[in-house]
Amino acid sequence: MAIKKSTDTYGDLFIPMHDVSEKRKNLLLSIKNSLVMQEEYEKVIMIRAKKAEILKTIKKGMTSLNSDYSKIKKHFPNVKNVLSNTEKEISILESQINILKNSNVKNSNEILKKLDMEKKLGKKITSPRPEVKKELVTEKPKVAPKPAPKPKPLTKKERVRANLKALESKLQHL
């Protein structure tokens, strides 16, 4: 005897189609949407390829820039401690200036004392520049001189300018 297959077993495999035109329309729209998505995906892939190419050229440019920079850097002097060295030099120069000012004040005081002594003795003043001595007498009172006010510390910008001027003068001598 032959075994009969029931219609229930075929029910899962067979889908009846009602309104076929609507189904065709939906199928064509889904195919169209998949094609549009594929085009968009191709555009994204092209953009990624361009990006990779641009990054590659940028990396090549950066390596050449770095090598050129290292070559140029070899020709410049080492200026790591220029600020500290110039500050030390400035402080030394300021101390020397103060010493000279103090010695100048002492010399002018001695000149005044000698002039007073000569006047007391009644000698005629013989000097190459008597006008200068008169000015010294009128300008300098016998009160102890006040110490010169300390100059204001240089700002960072002024120090950098001074350092640049020093470097330029050294470069001109080379």
N, C-alpha and C. Protein backbone atom coordinates (compact mmCIF):
# COMPACT_ATOMS: atom_id res chain seq x y z
N MET A 1 0.79 -1.16 0.00
CA MET A 1 0.00 0.00 0.00
C MET A 1 0.85 1.25 0.00
N ALA A 2 0.37 2.14 -0.70
CA ALA A 2 1.09 3.42 -0.81
C ALA A 2 0.65 4.34 0.30
N ILE A 3 1.63 5.06 0.74
CA ILE A 3 1.34 5.99 1.84
C ILE A 3 0.94 7.32 1.23
N LYS A 4 -0.17 7.82 1.65
CA LYS A 4 -0.65 9.10 1.16
C LYS A 4 -0.08 10.20 2.03
N LYS A 5 0.41 11.24 1.37
CA LYS A 5 0.90 12.40 2.12
C LYS A 5 -0.27 13.33 2.30
N SER A 6 -0.33 13.84 3.48
CA SER A 6 -1.44 14.75 3.75
C SER A 6 -1.09 16.16 3.25
N THR A 7 -2.08 16.96 3.06
CA THR A 7 -1.90 18.34 2.59
C THR A 7 -1.31 19.22 3.67
N ASP A 8 -1.36 18.75 4.91
CA ASP A 8 -0.80 19.55 6.02
C ASP A 8 0.72 19.66 5.89
N THR A 9 1.39 18.66 5.40
CA THR A 9 2.84 18.71 5.29
C THR A 9 3.28 19.68 4.20
N TYR A 10 2.49 19.89 3.16
CA TYR A 10 2.83 20.84 2.11
C TYR A 10 2.46 22.26 2.49
N GLY A 11 1.69 22.45 3.50
CA GLY A 11 1.24 23.79 3.89
C GLY A 11 2.37 24.71 4.30
N ASP A 12 3.43 24.14 4.84
CA ASP A 12 4.55 24.99 5.27
C ASP A 12 5.39 25.46 4.08
N LEU A 13 5.40 24.68 2.99
CA LEU A 13 6.24 25.02 1.85
C LEU A 13 5.52 25.89 0.82
N PHE A 14 4.27 25.87 0.76
CA PHE A 14 3.50 26.60 -0.24
C PHE A 14 2.88 27.83 0.38
N ILE A 15 3.19 29.00 -0.23
CA ILE A 15 2.59 30.24 0.25
C ILE A 15 1.71 30.75 -0.87
N PRO A 16 0.45 30.85 -0.59
CA PRO A 16 -0.43 31.34 -1.65
C PRO A 16 -0.20 32.84 -1.86
N MET A 17 -0.30 33.28 -3.11
CA MET A 17 -0.06 34.69 -3.42
C MET A 17 -1.37 35.33 -3.80
N HIS A 18 -1.76 36.26 -2.99
CA HIS A 18 -2.91 37.07 -3.28
C HIS A 18 -2.38 38.45 -3.64
N ASP A 19 -2.92 39.12 -4.55
CA ASP A 19 -2.52 40.45 -5.00
C ASP A 19 -1.04 40.43 -5.43
N VAL A 20 -0.78 39.78 -6.53
CA VAL A 20 0.56 39.55 -7.06
C VAL A 20 1.24 40.86 -7.46
N SER A 21 0.55 41.81 -7.98
CA SER A 21 1.15 43.08 -8.43
C SER A 21 1.78 43.84 -7.26
N GLU A 22 1.11 43.79 -6.11
CA GLU A 22 1.66 44.47 -4.92
C GLU A 22 2.94 43.78 -4.46
N LYS A 23 2.96 42.45 -4.55
CA LYS A 23 4.15 41.70 -4.15
C LYS A 23 5.30 41.99 -5.11
N ARG A 24 5.03 42.08 -6.39
CA ARG A 24 6.07 42.41 -7.36
C ARG A 24 6.62 43.81 -7.10
N LYS A 25 5.75 44.72 -6.79
CA LYS A 25 6.16 46.09 -6.50
C LYS A 25 7.09 46.12 -5.29
N ASN A 26 6.73 45.41 -4.22
CA ASN A 26 7.56 45.36 -3.01
C ASN A 26 8.91 44.70 -3.30
N LEU A 27 8.88 43.64 -4.12
CA LEU A 27 10.12 42.95 -4.47
C LEU A 27 11.04 43.86 -5.28
N LEU A 28 10.51 44.57 -6.23
CA LEU A 28 11.32 45.50 -7.02
C LEU A 28 11.86 46.65 -6.17
N LEU A 29 11.05 47.15 -5.25
CA LEU A 29 11.51 48.22 -4.36
C LEU A 29 12.65 47.74 -3.45
N SER A 30 12.53 46.52 -2.97
CA SER A 30 13.59 45.99 -2.11
C SER A 30 14.88 45.79 -2.90
N ILE A 31 14.77 45.34 -4.15
CA ILE A 31 15.96 45.20 -5.00
C ILE A 31 16.58 46.58 -5.27
N LYS A 32 15.73 47.56 -5.54
CA LYS A 32 16.21 48.93 -5.78
C LYS A 32 16.93 49.45 -4.55
N ASN A 33 16.36 49.25 -3.37
CA ASN A 33 16.98 49.73 -2.12
C ASN A 33 18.32 49.03 -1.88
N SER A 34 18.39 47.74 -2.19
CA SER A 34 19.67 47.04 -2.01
C SER A 34 20.73 47.59 -2.96
N LEU A 35 20.33 47.91 -4.21
CA LEU A 35 21.28 48.50 -5.15
C LEU A 35 21.74 49.88 -4.70
N VAL A 36 20.83 50.68 -4.17
CA VAL A 36 21.20 52.00 -3.65
C VAL A 36 22.17 51.85 -2.48
N MET A 37 21.91 50.88 -1.61
CA MET A 37 22.80 50.65 -0.47
C MET A 37 24.18 50.19 -0.94
N GLN A 38 24.21 49.37 -1.99
CA GLN A 38 25.50 48.93 -2.52
C GLN A 38 26.28 50.11 -3.10
N GLU A 39 25.58 51.02 -3.79
CA GLU A 39 26.24 52.22 -4.32
C GLU A 39 26.81 53.07 -3.18
N GLU A 40 26.04 53.25 -2.13
CA GLU A 40 26.51 54.02 -0.98
C GLU A 40 27.72 53.34 -0.34
N TYR A 41 27.68 52.02 -0.26
CA TYR A 41 28.80 51.29 0.32
C TYR A 41 30.05 51.46 -0.54
N GLU A 42 29.88 51.44 -1.86
CA GLU A 42 31.01 51.66 -2.77
C GLU A 42 31.58 53.07 -2.57
N LYS A 43 30.71 54.05 -2.34
CA LYS A 43 31.18 55.42 -2.08
C LYS A 43 32.00 55.47 -0.79
N VAL A 44 31.54 54.77 0.23
CA VAL A 44 32.27 54.74 1.51
C VAL A 44 33.63 54.09 1.32
N ILE A 45 33.67 53.02 0.55
CA ILE A 45 34.94 52.34 0.29
C ILE A 45 35.89 53.26 -0.47
N MET A 46 35.38 54.01 -1.44
CA MET A 46 36.21 54.96 -2.19
C MET A 46 36.74 56.06 -1.27
N ILE A 47 35.91 56.55 -0.39
CA ILE A 47 36.34 57.59 0.56
C ILE A 47 37.43 57.05 1.47
N ARG A 48 37.26 55.82 1.93
CA ARG A 48 38.29 55.21 2.78
C ARG A 48 39.61 55.06 2.03
N ALA A 49 39.53 54.69 0.77
CA ALA A 49 40.75 54.52 -0.04
C ALA A 49 41.45 55.87 -0.22
N LYS A 50 40.67 56.92 -0.50
CA LYS A 50 41.24 58.26 -0.65
C LYS A 50 41.88 58.73 0.66
N LYS A 51 41.20 58.44 1.76
CA LYS A 51 41.71 58.82 3.07
C LYS A 51 43.04 58.12 3.34
N ALA A 52 43.11 56.85 3.02
CA ALA A 52 44.35 56.09 3.23
C ALA A 52 45.47 56.66 2.36
N GLU A 53 45.14 57.03 1.13
CA GLU A 53 46.14 57.60 0.23
C GLU A 53 46.63 58.94 0.75
N ILE A 54 45.72 59.77 1.22
CA ILE A 54 46.10 61.08 1.77
C ILE A 54 46.97 60.91 3.01
N LEU A 55 46.59 59.99 3.88
CA LEU A 55 47.39 59.74 5.07
C LEU A 55 48.79 59.26 4.71
N LYS A 56 48.88 58.46 3.67
CA LYS A 56 50.17 57.96 3.23
C LYS A 56 51.06 59.10 2.76
N THR A 57 50.47 60.02 1.97
CA THR A 57 51.27 61.16 1.49
C THR A 57 51.65 62.09 2.64
N ILE A 58 50.75 62.25 3.61
CA ILE A 58 51.06 63.08 4.78
C ILE A 58 52.21 62.47 5.57
N LYS A 59 52.19 61.15 5.75
CA LYS A 59 53.28 60.49 6.48
C LYS A 59 54.61 60.66 5.76
N LYS A 60 54.59 60.54 4.43
CA LYS A 60 55.81 60.75 3.67
C LYS A 60 56.32 62.18 3.85
N GLY A 61 55.39 63.14 3.78
CA GLY A 61 55.77 64.54 3.98
C GLY A 61 56.33 64.79 5.36
N MET A 62 55.73 64.19 6.38
CA MET A 62 56.21 64.39 7.74
C MET A 62 57.59 63.79 7.93
N THR A 63 57.85 62.62 7.34
CA THR A 63 59.18 62.04 7.48
C THR A 63 60.23 62.92 6.81
N SER A 64 59.89 63.48 5.64
CA SER A 64 60.85 64.36 4.98
C SER A 64 61.04 65.65 5.78
N LEU A 65 59.96 66.17 6.36
CA LEU A 65 60.08 67.37 7.20
C LEU A 65 60.95 67.10 8.42
N ASN A 66 60.74 65.96 9.07
CA ASN A 66 61.54 65.62 10.25
C ASN A 66 63.01 65.48 9.89
N SER A 67 63.31 64.85 8.77
CA SER A 67 64.71 64.69 8.39
C SER A 67 65.33 66.04 8.06
N ASP A 68 64.59 66.90 7.35
CA ASP A 68 65.09 68.24 7.04
C ASP A 68 65.29 69.05 8.32
N TYR A 69 64.37 68.93 9.25
CA TYR A 69 64.48 69.66 10.52
C TYR A 69 65.72 69.22 11.30
N SER A 70 65.97 67.91 11.32
CA SER A 70 67.15 67.43 12.05
C SER A 70 68.43 67.92 11.38
N LYS A 71 68.44 68.00 10.05
CA LYS A 71 69.62 68.52 9.34
C LYS A 71 69.83 70.00 9.65
N ILE A 72 68.76 70.77 9.65
CA ILE A 72 68.86 72.21 9.94
C ILE A 72 69.25 72.44 11.38
N LYS A 73 68.71 71.65 12.27
CA LYS A 73 68.97 71.82 13.70
C LYS A 73 70.45 71.65 14.02
N LYS A 74 71.16 70.83 13.26
CA LYS A 74 72.59 70.62 13.49
C LYS A 74 73.39 71.90 13.28
N HIS A 75 72.91 72.79 12.41
CA HIS A 75 73.65 74.00 12.07
C HIS A 75 73.43 75.14 13.07
N PHE A 76 72.39 75.06 13.90
CA PHE A 76 72.13 76.12 14.87
C PHE A 76 72.88 75.86 16.16
N PRO A 77 73.24 76.93 16.87
CA PRO A 77 73.95 76.73 18.14
C PRO A 77 73.00 76.23 19.23
N ASN A 78 73.58 75.64 20.25
CA ASN A 78 72.80 75.15 21.38
C ASN A 78 72.43 76.35 22.25
N VAL A 79 71.15 76.60 22.39
CA VAL A 79 70.70 77.78 23.14
C VAL A 79 69.83 77.40 24.32
N LYS A 80 70.10 76.25 24.92
CA LYS A 80 69.26 75.81 26.03
C LYS A 80 69.43 76.72 27.24
N ASN A 81 70.66 77.13 27.53
CA ASN A 81 70.92 77.90 28.73
C ASN A 81 71.20 79.37 28.44
N VAL A 82 70.73 79.88 27.32
CA VAL A 82 71.02 81.26 26.96
C VAL A 82 70.40 82.22 27.96
N LEU A 83 69.16 81.96 28.36
CA LEU A 83 68.50 82.86 29.31
C LEU A 83 69.25 82.92 30.63
N SER A 84 69.60 81.77 31.18
CA SER A 84 70.29 81.77 32.47
C SER A 84 71.68 82.40 32.35
N ASN A 85 72.38 82.13 31.24
CA ASN A 85 73.71 82.72 31.06
C ASN A 85 73.64 84.23 30.90
N THR A 86 72.67 84.71 30.14
CA THR A 86 72.57 86.16 29.97
C THR A 86 72.14 86.83 31.26
N GLU A 87 71.29 86.17 32.04
CA GLU A 87 70.91 86.75 33.33
C GLU A 87 72.13 86.85 34.24
N LYS A 88 72.99 85.83 34.23
CA LYS A 88 74.21 85.88 35.03
C LYS A 88 75.11 87.01 34.55
N GLU A 89 75.26 87.13 33.23
CA GLU A 89 76.10 88.20 32.69
C GLU A 89 75.54 89.57 33.04
N ILE A 90 74.22 89.71 32.97
CA ILE A 90 73.59 90.99 33.31
C ILE A 90 73.82 91.31 34.77
N SER A 91 73.68 90.34 35.64
CA SER A 91 73.89 90.61 37.07
C SER A 91 75.35 90.99 37.34
N ILE A 92 76.29 90.36 36.65
CA ILE A 92 77.70 90.71 36.80
C ILE A 92 77.95 92.13 36.32
N LEU A 93 77.38 92.47 35.17
CA LEU A 93 77.54 93.82 34.64
C LEU A 93 76.92 94.87 35.56
N GLU A 94 75.75 94.56 36.12
CA GLU A 94 75.11 95.50 37.04
C GLU A 94 75.96 95.71 38.29
N SER A 95 76.56 94.64 38.79
CA SER A 95 77.42 94.79 39.97
C SER A 95 78.64 95.64 39.63
N GLN A 96 79.21 95.45 38.45
CA GLN A 96 80.35 96.26 38.03
C GLN A 96 79.96 97.72 37.87
N ILE A 97 78.78 97.97 37.33
CA ILE A 97 78.29 99.35 37.18
C ILE A 97 78.13 99.99 38.55
N ASN A 98 77.57 99.26 39.50
CA ASN A 98 77.39 99.80 40.85
C ASN A 98 78.74 100.12 41.49
N ILE A 99 79.73 99.26 41.28
CA ILE A 99 81.07 99.51 41.83
C ILE A 99 81.65 100.79 41.22
N LEU A 100 81.49 100.95 39.90
CA LEU A 100 82.00 102.15 39.24
C LEU A 100 81.29 103.41 39.74
N LYS A 101 79.99 103.32 39.95
CA LYS A 101 79.25 104.47 40.47
C LYS A 101 79.74 104.85 41.85
N ASN A 102 79.95 103.84 42.69
CA ASN A 102 80.44 104.11 44.04
C ASN A 102 81.83 104.73 44.00
N SER A 103 82.71 104.23 43.13
CA SER A 103 84.05 104.80 43.05
C SER A 103 83.99 106.22 42.50
N ASN A 104 83.05 106.49 41.58
CA ASN A 104 82.88 107.83 41.03
C ASN A 104 82.44 108.79 42.13
N VAL A 105 81.53 108.33 42.98
CA VAL A 105 81.06 109.17 44.08
C VAL A 105 82.21 109.45 45.04
N LYS A 106 83.02 108.45 45.34
CA LYS A 106 84.17 108.63 46.23
C LYS A 106 85.17 109.61 45.62
N ASN A 107 85.43 109.48 44.31
CA ASN A 107 86.35 110.39 43.65
C ASN A 107 85.83 111.82 43.68
N SER A 108 84.53 111.99 43.44
CA SER A 108 83.97 113.35 43.47
C SER A 108 84.04 113.92 44.89
N ASN A 109 83.85 113.09 45.90
CA ASN A 109 83.98 113.57 47.29
C ASN A 109 85.42 113.99 47.58
N GLU A 110 86.39 113.25 47.08
CA GLU A 110 87.79 113.60 47.28
C GLU A 110 88.13 114.90 46.57
N ILE A 111 87.60 115.08 45.38
CA ILE A 111 87.83 116.32 44.63
C ILE A 111 87.26 117.50 45.40
N LEU A 112 86.07 117.33 45.95
CA LEU A 112 85.46 118.41 46.74
C LEU A 112 86.31 118.74 47.97
N LYS A 113 86.81 117.73 48.62
CA LYS A 113 87.66 117.96 49.80
C LYS A 113 88.93 118.70 49.41
N LYS A 114 89.54 118.33 48.30
CA LYS A 114 90.75 119.00 47.85
C LYS A 114 90.48 120.45 47.50
N LEU A 115 89.33 120.70 46.84
CA LEU A 115 88.98 122.08 46.50
C LEU A 115 88.78 122.91 47.76
N ASP A 116 88.11 122.33 48.73
CA ASP A 116 87.91 123.06 49.99
C ASP A 116 89.24 123.34 50.67
N MET A 117 90.13 122.39 50.67
CA MET A 117 91.43 122.57 51.30
C MET A 117 92.25 123.64 50.58
N GLU A 118 92.18 123.66 49.24
CA GLU A 118 92.91 124.67 48.47
C GLU A 118 92.36 126.06 48.73
N LYS A 119 91.04 126.16 48.84
CA LYS A 119 90.44 127.46 49.14
C LYS A 119 90.89 127.94 50.51
N LYS A 120 90.94 127.01 51.46
CA LYS A 120 91.36 127.39 52.79
C LYS A 120 92.81 127.84 52.81
N LEU A 121 93.63 127.22 52.04
CA LEU A 121 95.03 127.59 51.99
C LEU A 121 95.26 128.84 51.16
N GLY A 122 94.28 129.22 50.35
CA GLY A 122 94.36 130.43 49.56
C GLY A 122 95.13 130.26 48.28
N LYS A 123 95.32 129.09 47.86
CA LYS A 123 96.02 128.84 46.61
C LYS A 123 95.09 129.10 45.44
N LYS A 124 95.73 129.44 44.36
CA LYS A 124 94.97 129.63 43.15
C LYS A 124 94.65 128.26 42.56
N ILE A 125 93.41 128.08 42.11
CA ILE A 125 92.99 126.79 41.56
C ILE A 125 93.49 126.70 40.13
N THR A 126 94.27 125.68 39.91
CA THR A 126 94.76 125.44 38.55
C THR A 126 94.24 124.08 38.11
N SER A 127 93.34 124.14 37.20
CA SER A 127 92.79 122.89 36.68
C SER A 127 92.45 123.08 35.22
N PRO A 128 92.48 122.03 34.46
CA PRO A 128 92.18 122.17 33.03
C PRO A 128 90.72 122.55 32.79
N ARG A 129 89.82 122.17 33.68
CA ARG A 129 88.40 122.48 33.50
C ARG A 129 87.83 122.98 34.82
N PRO A 130 87.94 124.24 35.09
CA PRO A 130 87.41 124.73 36.35
C PRO A 130 85.89 124.72 36.37
N GLU A 131 85.27 124.80 35.19
CA GLU A 131 83.81 124.81 35.15
C GLU A 131 83.25 123.49 35.68
N VAL A 132 83.93 122.42 35.36
CA VAL A 132 83.46 121.12 35.81
C VAL A 132 83.54 121.04 37.32
N LYS A 133 84.60 121.55 37.88
CA LYS A 133 84.75 121.50 39.32
C LYS A 133 83.71 122.37 40.01
N LYS A 134 83.38 123.51 39.44
CA LYS A 134 82.34 124.36 40.02
C LYS A 134 81.00 123.64 39.98
N GLU A 135 80.77 122.95 38.88
CA GLU A 135 79.52 122.20 38.80
C GLU A 135 79.49 121.11 39.86
N LEU A 136 80.62 120.48 40.06
CA LEU A 136 80.67 119.44 41.08
C LEU A 136 80.39 120.02 42.45
N VAL A 137 80.91 121.22 42.70
CA VAL A 137 80.69 121.85 44.00
C VAL A 137 79.23 122.22 44.16
N THR A 138 78.62 122.75 43.12
CA THR A 138 77.23 123.17 43.25
C THR A 138 76.27 121.99 43.22
N GLU A 139 76.62 120.97 42.48
CA GLU A 139 75.69 119.85 42.36
C GLU A 139 75.72 118.93 43.56
N LYS A 140 76.86 118.68 44.14
CA LYS A 140 76.99 117.68 45.19
C LYS A 140 76.90 118.33 46.56
N PRO A 141 75.83 118.09 47.28
CA PRO A 141 75.81 118.54 48.66
C PRO A 141 76.66 117.61 49.50
N LYS A 142 76.97 118.01 50.70
CA LYS A 142 77.84 117.21 51.55
C LYS A 142 77.08 116.12 52.28
N VAL A 143 75.83 115.96 51.94
CA VAL A 143 75.03 114.88 52.52
C VAL A 143 75.44 113.58 51.85
N ALA A 144 75.42 112.52 52.61
CA ALA A 144 75.80 111.22 52.08
C ALA A 144 74.90 110.86 50.91
N PRO A 145 75.51 110.40 49.83
CA PRO A 145 74.69 110.08 48.65
C PRO A 145 73.78 108.88 48.91
N LYS A 146 72.61 108.96 48.34
CA LYS A 146 71.65 107.86 48.47
C LYS A 146 72.04 106.77 47.47
N PRO A 147 71.84 105.53 47.86
CA PRO A 147 72.16 104.47 46.90
C PRO A 147 71.22 104.56 45.71
N ALA A 148 71.76 104.25 44.56
CA ALA A 148 70.97 104.32 43.33
C ALA A 148 69.83 103.31 43.41
N PRO A 149 68.65 103.68 42.92
CA PRO A 149 67.54 102.71 42.97
C PRO A 149 67.86 101.53 42.06
N LYS A 150 67.48 100.38 42.54
CA LYS A 150 67.75 99.16 41.77
C LYS A 150 66.85 99.14 40.54
N PRO A 151 67.41 98.77 39.41
CA PRO A 151 66.57 98.71 38.22
C PRO A 151 65.54 97.59 38.35
N LYS A 152 64.42 97.83 37.73
CA LYS A 152 63.36 96.82 37.77
C LYS A 152 63.83 95.57 37.04
N PRO A 153 63.45 94.39 37.53
CA PRO A 153 63.86 93.17 36.82
C PRO A 153 63.21 93.12 35.44
N LEU A 154 63.95 92.58 34.51
CA LEU A 154 63.46 92.49 33.14
C LEU A 154 62.31 91.49 33.05
N THR A 155 61.36 91.83 32.21
CA THR A 155 60.28 90.87 31.96
C THR A 155 60.80 89.79 31.03
N LYS A 156 60.04 88.74 30.91
CA LYS A 156 60.45 87.61 30.08
C LYS A 156 60.60 88.05 28.62
N LYS A 157 59.70 88.91 28.19
CA LYS A 157 59.73 89.38 26.81
C LYS A 157 61.00 90.19 26.56
N GLU A 158 61.37 91.05 27.52
CA GLU A 158 62.58 91.86 27.37
C GLU A 158 63.83 90.98 27.38
N ARG A 159 63.82 89.95 28.23
CA ARG A 159 64.96 89.04 28.27
C ARG A 159 65.11 88.31 26.95
N VAL A 160 63.99 87.86 26.38
CA VAL A 160 64.05 87.15 25.10
C VAL A 160 64.57 88.07 24.01
N ARG A 161 64.11 89.35 24.01
CA ARG A 161 64.61 90.30 23.02
C ARG A 161 66.10 90.52 23.17
N ALA A 162 66.55 90.67 24.41
CA ALA A 162 67.98 90.87 24.65
C ALA A 162 68.77 89.65 24.18
N ASN A 163 68.24 88.47 24.45
CA ASN A 163 68.92 87.25 24.01
C ASN A 163 68.97 87.17 22.49
N LEU A 164 67.88 87.55 21.85
CA LEU A 164 67.87 87.54 20.39
C LEU A 164 68.90 88.51 19.83
N LYS A 165 69.01 89.70 20.43
CA LYS A 165 69.99 90.67 19.97
C LYS A 165 71.40 90.11 20.14
N ALA A 166 71.65 89.44 21.27
CA ALA A 166 72.97 88.86 21.51
C ALA A 166 73.27 87.78 20.48
N LEU A 167 72.28 86.93 20.19
CA LEU A 167 72.48 85.87 19.20
C LEU A 167 72.71 86.46 17.81
N GLU A 168 71.95 87.51 17.46
CA GLU A 168 72.14 88.12 16.15
C GLU A 168 73.53 88.72 16.03
N SER A 169 74.01 89.36 17.09
CA SER A 169 75.35 89.94 17.01
C SER A 169 76.40 88.84 16.88
N LYS A 170 76.22 87.72 17.58
CA LYS A 170 77.17 86.62 17.44
C LYS A 170 77.12 86.02 16.04
N LEU A 171 75.91 85.91 15.49
CA LEU A 171 75.78 85.37 14.15
C LEU A 171 76.41 86.30 13.11
N GLN A 172 76.33 87.61 13.33
CA GLN A 172 76.93 88.56 12.39
C GLN A 172 78.44 88.45 12.41
N HIS A 173 79.02 88.13 13.57
CA HIS A 173 80.47 87.98 13.66
C HIS A 173 80.94 86.71 12.98
N LEU A 174 80.06 85.73 12.87
CA LEU A 174 80.43 84.49 12.19
C LEU A 174 80.43 84.74 10.70
